[in-house]
Amino acid sequence: VIGAYHSHPASAPTPSDSDIAEATGGRDFLYVIV
């Protein structure tokens, strides 16, 4: 497992403040927003 994805159903695929604050996967963990 190299990362995780989640969606922003009504907005652009840009990390929210909570996405950034709660990112705990590590330095090489890929986050994808759909």
PDB file of all heavy atoms in Angstrom:
ATOM      1  N   VAL A   1       0.877  -1.172   0.000  1.00  0.00           N
ATOM      2  CA  VAL A   1       0.000   0.000   0.000  1.00  0.00           C
ATOM      3  C   VAL A   1       0.910   1.216   0.000  1.00  0.00           C
ATOM      4  O   VAL A   1       1.729   1.381   0.906  1.00  0.00           O
ATOM      5  CB  VAL A   1      -0.950  -0.006   1.220  1.00  0.00           C
ATOM      6  CG1 VAL A   1      -1.711   1.317   1.312  1.00  0.00           C
ATOM      7  CG2 VAL A   1      -1.913  -1.177   1.135  1.00  0.00           C
ATOM      8  N   ILE A   2       0.796   2.038  -1.031  1.00  0.00           N
ATOM      9  CA  ILE A   2       1.677   3.199  -1.179  1.00  0.00           C
ATOM     10  C   ILE A   2       0.957   4.521  -0.964  1.00  0.00           C
ATOM     11  O   ILE A   2       1.578   5.579  -1.012  1.00  0.00           O
ATOM     12  CB  ILE A   2       2.352   3.209  -2.564  1.00  0.00           C
ATOM     13  CG1 ILE A   2       1.308   3.264  -3.680  1.00  0.00           C
ATOM     14  CG2 ILE A   2       3.276   2.014  -2.713  1.00  0.00           C
ATOM     15  CD1 ILE A   2       1.871   3.599  -5.040  1.00  0.00           C
ATOM     16  N   GLY A   3      -0.359   4.457  -0.758  1.00  0.00           N
ATOM     17  CA  GLY A   3      -1.090   5.698  -0.587  1.00  0.00           C
ATOM     18  C   GLY A   3      -2.567   5.463  -0.377  1.00  0.00           C
ATOM     19  O   GLY A   3      -3.026   4.326  -0.223  1.00  0.00           O
ATOM     20  N   ALA A   4      -3.290   6.558  -0.372  1.00  0.00           N
ATOM     21  CA  ALA A   4      -4.742   6.528  -0.192  1.00  0.00           C
ATOM     22  C   ALA A   4      -5.370   7.554  -1.117  1.00  0.00           C
ATOM     23  O   ALA A   4      -4.718   8.510  -1.549  1.00  0.00           O
ATOM     24  CB  ALA A   4      -5.095   6.834   1.253  1.00  0.00           C
ATOM     25  N   TYR A   5      -6.640   7.325  -1.405  1.00  0.00           N
ATOM     26  CA  TYR A   5      -7.382   8.317  -2.183  1.00  0.00           C
ATOM     27  C   TYR A   5      -8.708   8.606  -1.487  1.00  0.00           C
ATOM     28  O   TYR A   5      -9.209   7.799  -0.708  1.00  0.00           O
ATOM     29  CB  TYR A   5      -7.611   7.854  -3.624  1.00  0.00           C
ATOM     30  CG  TYR A   5      -8.617   6.756  -3.822  1.00  0.00           C
ATOM     31  CD1 TYR A   5      -9.959   7.040  -4.087  1.00  0.00           C
ATOM     32  CD2 TYR A   5      -8.245   5.420  -3.761  1.00  0.00           C
ATOM     33  CE1 TYR A   5     -10.879   6.026  -4.276  1.00  0.00           C
ATOM     34  CE2 TYR A   5      -9.154   4.403  -3.953  1.00  0.00           C
ATOM     35  CZ  TYR A   5     -10.479   4.708  -4.212  1.00  0.00           C
ATOM     36  OH  TYR A   5     -11.404   3.706  -4.393  1.00  0.00           O
ATOM     37  N   HIS A   6      -9.210   9.787  -1.754  1.00  0.00           N
ATOM     38  CA  HIS A   6     -10.562  10.144  -1.323  1.00  0.00           C
ATOM     39  C   HIS A   6     -11.090  11.190  -2.290  1.00  0.00           C
ATOM     40  O   HIS A   6     -10.353  11.711  -3.127  1.00  0.00           O
ATOM     41  CB  HIS A   6     -10.578  10.635   0.132  1.00  0.00           C
ATOM     42  CG  HIS A   6     -10.031  12.008   0.338  1.00  0.00           C
ATOM     43  ND1 HIS A   6      -8.672  12.271   0.387  1.00  0.00           N
ATOM     44  CD2 HIS A   6     -10.658  13.195   0.520  1.00  0.00           C
ATOM     45  CE1 HIS A   6      -8.494  13.569   0.595  1.00  0.00           C
ATOM     46  NE2 HIS A   6      -9.682  14.155   0.680  1.00  0.00           N
ATOM     47  N   SER A   7     -12.370  11.466  -2.180  1.00  0.00           N
ATOM     48  CA  SER A   7     -12.967  12.415  -3.120  1.00  0.00           C
ATOM     49  C   SER A   7     -13.364  13.713  -2.435  1.00  0.00           C
ATOM     50  O   SER A   7     -13.573  13.766  -1.225  1.00  0.00           O
ATOM     51  CB  SER A   7     -14.201  11.793  -3.794  1.00  0.00           C
ATOM     52  OG  SER A   7     -15.199  11.502  -2.836  1.00  0.00           O
ATOM     53  N   HIS A   8     -13.412  14.737  -3.256  1.00  0.00           N
ATOM     54  CA  HIS A   8     -14.026  16.012  -2.901  1.00  0.00           C
ATOM     55  C   HIS A   8     -15.204  16.141  -3.878  1.00  0.00           C
ATOM     56  O   HIS A   8     -15.017  16.616  -4.996  1.00  0.00           O
ATOM     57  CB  HIS A   8     -13.047  17.169  -3.056  1.00  0.00           C
ATOM     58  CG  HIS A   8     -12.010  17.235  -1.980  1.00  0.00           C
ATOM     59  ND1 HIS A   8     -11.091  18.252  -1.916  1.00  0.00           N
ATOM     60  CD2 HIS A   8     -11.746  16.440  -0.919  1.00  0.00           C
ATOM     61  CE1 HIS A   8     -10.307  18.073  -0.868  1.00  0.00           C
ATOM     62  NE2 HIS A   8     -10.684  16.962  -0.252  1.00  0.00           N
ATOM     63  N   PRO A   9     -16.385  15.667  -3.465  1.00  0.00           N
ATOM     64  CA  PRO A   9     -17.513  15.542  -4.396  1.00  0.00           C
ATOM     65  C   PRO A   9     -17.932  16.825  -5.103  1.00  0.00           C
ATOM     66  O   PRO A   9     -18.383  16.753  -6.253  1.00  0.00           O
ATOM     67  CB  PRO A   9     -18.648  15.026  -3.513  1.00  0.00           C
ATOM     68  CG  PRO A   9     -17.981  14.395  -2.350  1.00  0.00           C
ATOM     69  CD  PRO A   9     -16.711  15.165  -2.140  1.00  0.00           C
ATOM     70  N   ALA A  10     -17.794  17.961  -4.468  1.00  0.00           N
ATOM     71  CA  ALA A  10     -18.304  19.194  -5.066  1.00  0.00           C
ATOM     72  C   ALA A  10     -17.238  20.261  -5.267  1.00  0.00           C
ATOM     73  O   ALA A  10     -17.569  21.412  -5.546  1.00  0.00           O
ATOM     74  CB  ALA A  10     -19.433  19.750  -4.198  1.00  0.00           C
ATOM     75  N   SER A  11     -15.963  19.886  -5.130  1.00  0.00           N
ATOM     76  CA  SER A  11     -14.924  20.912  -5.255  1.00  0.00           C
ATOM     77  C   SER A  11     -13.700  20.363  -5.979  1.00  0.00           C
ATOM     78  O   SER A  11     -13.642  19.181  -6.315  1.00  0.00           O
ATOM     79  CB  SER A  11     -14.531  21.441  -3.871  1.00  0.00           C
ATOM     80  OG  SER A  11     -13.950  20.410  -3.098  1.00  0.00           O
ATOM     81  N   ALA A  12     -12.728  21.225  -6.170  1.00  0.00           N
ATOM     82  CA  ALA A  12     -11.491  20.855  -6.859  1.00  0.00           C
ATOM     83  C   ALA A  12     -10.694  19.852  -6.026  1.00  0.00           C
ATOM     84  O   ALA A  12     -10.830  19.800  -4.802  1.00  0.00           O
ATOM     85  CB  ALA A  12     -10.655  22.104  -7.114  1.00  0.00           C
ATOM     86  N   PRO A  13      -9.835  19.066  -6.682  1.00  0.00           N
ATOM     87  CA  PRO A  13      -9.035  18.075  -5.964  1.00  0.00           C
ATOM     88  C   PRO A  13      -7.786  18.672  -5.321  1.00  0.00           C
ATOM     89  O   PRO A  13      -6.653  18.338  -5.642  1.00  0.00           O
ATOM     90  CB  PRO A  13      -8.687  17.071  -7.066  1.00  0.00           C
ATOM     91  CG  PRO A  13      -8.604  17.896  -8.300  1.00  0.00           C
ATOM     92  CD  PRO A  13      -9.657  18.957  -8.134  1.00  0.00           C
ATOM     93  N   THR A  14      -8.034  19.593  -4.407  1.00  0.00           N
ATOM     94  CA  THR A  14      -6.963  20.289  -3.679  1.00  0.00           C
ATOM     95  C   THR A  14      -7.061  19.915  -2.207  1.00  0.00           C
ATOM     96  O   THR A  14      -8.165  19.884  -1.657  1.00  0.00           O
ATOM     97  CB  THR A  14      -7.141  21.817  -3.837  1.00  0.00           C
ATOM     98  OG1 THR A  14      -7.206  22.136  -5.224  1.00  0.00           O
ATOM     99  CG2 THR A  14      -6.007  22.573  -3.196  1.00  0.00           C
ATOM    100  N   PRO A  15      -5.942  19.632  -1.543  1.00  0.00           N
ATOM    101  CA  PRO A  15      -6.023  19.239  -0.133  1.00  0.00           C
ATOM    102  C   PRO A  15      -6.647  20.321   0.740  1.00  0.00           C
ATOM    103  O   PRO A  15      -6.303  21.502   0.633  1.00  0.00           O
ATOM    104  CB  PRO A  15      -4.561  19.022   0.267  1.00  0.00           C
ATOM    105  CG  PRO A  15      -3.827  18.843  -0.995  1.00  0.00           C
ATOM    106  CD  PRO A  15      -4.561  19.628  -2.032  1.00  0.00           C
ATOM    107  N   SER A  16      -7.571  19.901   1.579  1.00  0.00           N
ATOM    108  CA  SER A  16      -8.176  20.821   2.543  1.00  0.00           C
ATOM    109  C   SER A  16      -7.245  20.959   3.745  1.00  0.00           C
ATOM    110  O   SER A  16      -6.285  20.201   3.890  1.00  0.00           O
ATOM    111  CB  SER A  16      -9.534  20.275   3.000  1.00  0.00           C
ATOM    112  OG  SER A  16      -9.339  19.076   3.741  1.00  0.00           O
ATOM    113  N   ASP A  17      -7.550  21.904   4.609  1.00  0.00           N
ATOM    114  CA  ASP A  17      -6.756  22.067   5.821  1.00  0.00           C
ATOM    115  C   ASP A  17      -6.760  20.785   6.648  1.00  0.00           C
ATOM    116  O   ASP A  17      -5.734  20.388   7.202  1.00  0.00           O
ATOM    117  CB  ASP A  17      -7.282  23.238   6.659  1.00  0.00           C
ATOM    118  CG  ASP A  17      -7.010  24.585   5.998  1.00  0.00           C
ATOM    119  OD1 ASP A  17      -6.144  24.660   5.097  1.00  0.00           O
ATOM    120  OD2 ASP A  17      -7.676  25.569   6.385  1.00  0.00           O
ATOM    121  N   SER A  18      -7.929  20.125   6.721  1.00  0.00           N
ATOM    122  CA  SER A  18      -7.984  18.885   7.504  1.00  0.00           C
ATOM    123  C   SER A  18      -7.220  17.759   6.810  1.00  0.00           C
ATOM    124  O   SER A  18      -6.596  16.932   7.486  1.00  0.00           O
ATOM    125  CB  SER A  18      -9.434  18.472   7.795  1.00  0.00           C
ATOM    126  OG  SER A  18     -10.139  18.238   6.601  1.00  0.00           O
ATOM    127  N   ASP A  19      -7.228  17.714   5.469  1.00  0.00           N
ATOM    128  CA  ASP A  19      -6.427  16.707   4.751  1.00  0.00           C
ATOM    129  C   ASP A  19      -4.952  16.843   5.130  1.00  0.00           C
ATOM    130  O   ASP A  19      -4.267  15.855   5.398  1.00  0.00           O
ATOM    131  CB  ASP A  19      -6.562  16.859   3.230  1.00  0.00           C
ATOM    132  CG  ASP A  19      -7.923  16.496   2.698  1.00  0.00           C
ATOM    133  OD1 ASP A  19      -8.657  15.736   3.349  1.00  0.00           O
ATOM    134  OD2 ASP A  19      -8.253  16.975   1.590  1.00  0.00           O
ATOM    135  N   ILE A  20      -4.472  18.073   5.144  1.00  0.00           N
ATOM    136  CA  ILE A  20      -3.063  18.338   5.449  1.00  0.00           C
ATOM    137  C   ILE A  20      -2.761  18.022   6.911  1.00  0.00           C
ATOM    138  O   ILE A  20      -1.777  17.348   7.222  1.00  0.00           O
ATOM    139  CB  ILE A  20      -2.701  19.803   5.106  1.00  0.00           C
ATOM    140  CG1 ILE A  20      -2.852  20.030   3.593  1.00  0.00           C
ATOM    141  CG2 ILE A  20      -1.294  20.152   5.582  1.00  0.00           C
ATOM    142  CD1 ILE A  20      -2.858  21.490   3.177  1.00  0.00           C
ATOM    143  N   ALA A  21      -3.624  18.479   7.809  1.00  0.00           N
ATOM    144  CA  ALA A  21      -3.392  18.285   9.242  1.00  0.00           C
ATOM    145  C   ALA A  21      -3.441  16.813   9.651  1.00  0.00           C
ATOM    146  O   ALA A  21      -2.732  16.400  10.566  1.00  0.00           O
ATOM    147  CB  ALA A  21      -4.421  19.087  10.046  1.00  0.00           C
ATOM    148  N   GLU A  22      -4.259  16.016   8.970  1.00  0.00           N
ATOM    149  CA  GLU A  22      -4.458  14.628   9.365  1.00  0.00           C
ATOM    150  C   GLU A  22      -3.621  13.642   8.563  1.00  0.00           C
ATOM    151  O   GLU A  22      -3.770  12.427   8.722  1.00  0.00           O
ATOM    152  CB  GLU A  22      -5.941  14.284   9.266  1.00  0.00           C
ATOM    153  CG  GLU A  22      -6.774  15.092  10.249  1.00  0.00           C
ATOM    154  CD  GLU A  22      -8.262  14.960  10.044  1.00  0.00           C
ATOM    155  OE1 GLU A  22      -8.694  14.092   9.244  1.00  0.00           O
ATOM    156  OE2 GLU A  22      -9.004  15.725  10.668  1.00  0.00           O
ATOM    157  N   ALA A  23      -2.734  14.133   7.711  1.00  0.00           N
ATOM    158  CA  ALA A  23      -1.892  13.255   6.894  1.00  0.00           C
ATOM    159  C   ALA A  23      -0.839  12.598   7.776  1.00  0.00           C
ATOM    160  O   ALA A  23       0.090  13.244   8.237  1.00  0.00           O
ATOM    161  CB  ALA A  23      -1.229  14.066   5.779  1.00  0.00           C
ATOM    162  N   THR A  24      -1.003  11.299   8.000  1.00  0.00           N
ATOM    163  CA  THR A  24      -0.096  10.583   8.896  1.00  0.00           C
ATOM    164  C   THR A  24       0.560   9.377   8.228  1.00  0.00           C
ATOM    165  O   THR A  24       1.132   8.527   8.911  1.00  0.00           O
ATOM    166  CB  THR A  24      -0.838  10.104  10.156  1.00  0.00           C
ATOM    167  OG1 THR A  24      -1.917   9.240   9.746  1.00  0.00           O
ATOM    168  CG2 THR A  24      -1.383  11.269  10.959  1.00  0.00           C
ATOM    169  N   GLY A  25       0.490   9.296   6.905  1.00  0.00           N
ATOM    170  CA  GLY A  25       0.996   8.124   6.209  1.00  0.00           C
ATOM    171  C   GLY A  25       2.501   8.035   6.094  1.00  0.00           C
ATOM    172  O   GLY A  25       3.035   6.984   5.770  1.00  0.00           O
ATOM    173  N   GLY A  26       3.196   9.125   6.302  1.00  0.00           N
ATOM    174  CA  GLY A  26       4.650   9.122   6.166  1.00  0.00           C
ATOM    175  C   GLY A  26       5.098   9.895   4.935  1.00  0.00           C
ATOM    176  O   GLY A  26       4.307  10.255   4.076  1.00  0.00           O
ATOM    177  N   ARG A  27       6.392  10.107   4.823  1.00  0.00           N
ATOM    178  CA  ARG A  27       6.919  11.001   3.787  1.00  0.00           C
ATOM    179  C   ARG A  27       6.754  10.470   2.370  1.00  0.00           C
ATOM    180  O   ARG A  27       6.709  11.230   1.426  1.00  0.00           O
ATOM    181  CB  ARG A  27       8.349  11.414   4.083  1.00  0.00           C
ATOM    182  CG  ARG A  27       9.429  10.410   3.825  1.00  0.00           C
ATOM    183  CD  ARG A  27      10.822  11.025   4.037  1.00  0.00           C
ATOM    184  NE  ARG A  27      11.338  11.686   2.854  1.00  0.00           N
ATOM    185  CZ  ARG A  27      11.328  12.999   2.604  1.00  0.00           C
ATOM    186  NH1 ARG A  27      10.823  13.819   3.466  1.00  0.00           N
ATOM    187  NH2 ARG A  27      11.845  13.481   1.506  1.00  0.00           N
ATOM    188  N   ASP A  28       6.653   9.159   2.179  1.00  0.00           N
ATOM    189  CA  ASP A  28       6.491   8.593   0.845  1.00  0.00           C
ATOM    190  C   ASP A  28       5.082   8.075   0.586  1.00  0.00           C
ATOM    191  O   ASP A  28       4.861   7.309  -0.344  1.00  0.00           O
ATOM    192  CB  ASP A  28       7.502   7.463   0.622  1.00  0.00           C
ATOM    193  CG  ASP A  28       8.923   7.990   0.539  1.00  0.00           C
ATOM    194  OD1 ASP A  28       9.119   9.128   0.082  1.00  0.00           O
ATOM    195  OD2 ASP A  28       9.844   7.256   0.960  1.00  0.00           O
ATOM    196  N   PHE A  29       4.134   8.476   1.411  1.00  0.00           N
ATOM    197  CA  PHE A  29       2.747   8.040   1.267  1.00  0.00           C
ATOM    198  C   PHE A  29       2.036   9.007   0.328  1.00  0.00           C
ATOM    199  O   PHE A  29       2.004  10.213   0.577  1.00  0.00           O
ATOM    200  CB  PHE A  29       2.068   8.007   2.633  1.00  0.00           C
ATOM    201  CG  PHE A  29       0.812   7.188   2.697  1.00  0.00           C
ATOM    202  CD1 PHE A  29       0.880   5.811   2.782  1.00  0.00           C
ATOM    203  CD2 PHE A  29      -0.419   7.799   2.681  1.00  0.00           C
ATOM    204  CE1 PHE A  29      -0.281   5.048   2.874  1.00  0.00           C
ATOM    205  CE2 PHE A  29      -1.586   7.055   2.768  1.00  0.00           C
ATOM    206  CZ  PHE A  29      -1.523   5.671   2.858  1.00  0.00           C
ATOM    207  N   LEU A  30       1.481   8.484  -0.744  1.00  0.00           N
ATOM    208  CA  LEU A  30       0.828   9.293  -1.778  1.00  0.00           C
ATOM    209  C   LEU A  30      -0.637   9.518  -1.437  1.00  0.00           C
ATOM    210  O   LEU A  30      -1.356   8.565  -1.125  1.00  0.00           O
ATOM    211  CB  LEU A  30       0.941   8.570  -3.128  1.00  0.00           C
ATOM    212  CG  LEU A  30       0.238   9.211  -4.322  1.00  0.00           C
ATOM    213  CD1 LEU A  30       0.847  10.572  -4.659  1.00  0.00           C
ATOM    214  CD2 LEU A  30       0.323   8.265  -5.519  1.00  0.00           C
ATOM    215  N   TYR A  31      -1.060  10.751  -1.501  1.00  0.00           N
ATOM    216  CA  TYR A  31      -2.460  11.107  -1.298  1.00  0.00           C
ATOM    217  C   TYR A  31      -3.040  11.557  -2.633  1.00  0.00           C
ATOM    218  O   TYR A  31      -2.496  12.453  -3.271  1.00  0.00           O
ATOM    219  CB  TYR A  31      -2.601  12.241  -0.273  1.00  0.00           C
ATOM    220  CG  TYR A  31      -2.210  11.820   1.115  1.00  0.00           C
ATOM    221  CD1 TYR A  31      -0.899  11.917   1.551  1.00  0.00           C
ATOM    222  CD2 TYR A  31      -3.156  11.285   1.985  1.00  0.00           C
ATOM    223  CE1 TYR A  31      -0.525  11.501   2.820  1.00  0.00           C
ATOM    224  CE2 TYR A  31      -2.795  10.868   3.259  1.00  0.00           C
ATOM    225  CZ  TYR A  31      -1.479  10.983   3.669  1.00  0.00           C
ATOM    226  OH  TYR A  31      -1.112  10.569   4.924  1.00  0.00           O
ATOM    227  N   VAL A  32      -4.135  10.915  -3.031  1.00  0.00           N
ATOM    228  CA  VAL A  32      -4.811  11.277  -4.275  1.00  0.00           C
ATOM    229  C   VAL A  32      -6.199  11.780  -3.924  1.00  0.00           C
ATOM    230  O   VAL A  32      -6.901  11.177  -3.106  1.00  0.00           O
ATOM    231  CB  VAL A  32      -4.885  10.073  -5.240  1.00  0.00           C
ATOM    232  CG1 VAL A  32      -5.761  10.397  -6.441  1.00  0.00           C
ATOM    233  CG2 VAL A  32      -3.488   9.678  -5.701  1.00  0.00           C
ATOM    234  N   ILE A  33      -6.568  12.885  -4.554  1.00  0.00           N
ATOM    235  CA  ILE A  33      -7.901  13.456  -4.366  1.00  0.00           C
ATOM    236  C   ILE A  33      -8.606  13.429  -5.712  1.00  0.00           C
ATOM    237  O   ILE A  33      -8.045  13.831  -6.734  1.00  0.00           O
ATOM    238  CB  ILE A  33      -7.836  14.886  -3.799  1.00  0.00           C
ATOM    239  CG1 ILE A  33      -7.078  14.879  -2.463  1.00  0.00           C
ATOM    240  CG2 ILE A  33      -9.245  15.451  -3.615  1.00  0.00           C
ATOM    241  CD1 ILE A  33      -6.822  16.254  -1.892  1.00  0.00           C
ATOM    242  N   VAL A  34      -9.841  12.955  -5.694  1.00  0.00           N
ATOM    243  CA  VAL A  34     -10.645  12.769  -6.893  1.00  0.00           C
ATOM    244  C   VAL A  34     -11.811  13.745  -6.847  1.00  0.00           C
ATOM    245  O   VAL A  34     -12.492  13.848  -5.824  1.00  0.00           O
ATOM    246  CB  VAL A  34     -11.172  11.322  -6.949  1.00  0.00           C
ATOM    247  CG1 VAL A  34     -12.002  11.095  -8.179  1.00  0.00           C
ATOM    248  CG2 VAL A  34     -10.032  10.327  -6.857  1.00  0.00           C
TER     249      VAL A  34
END
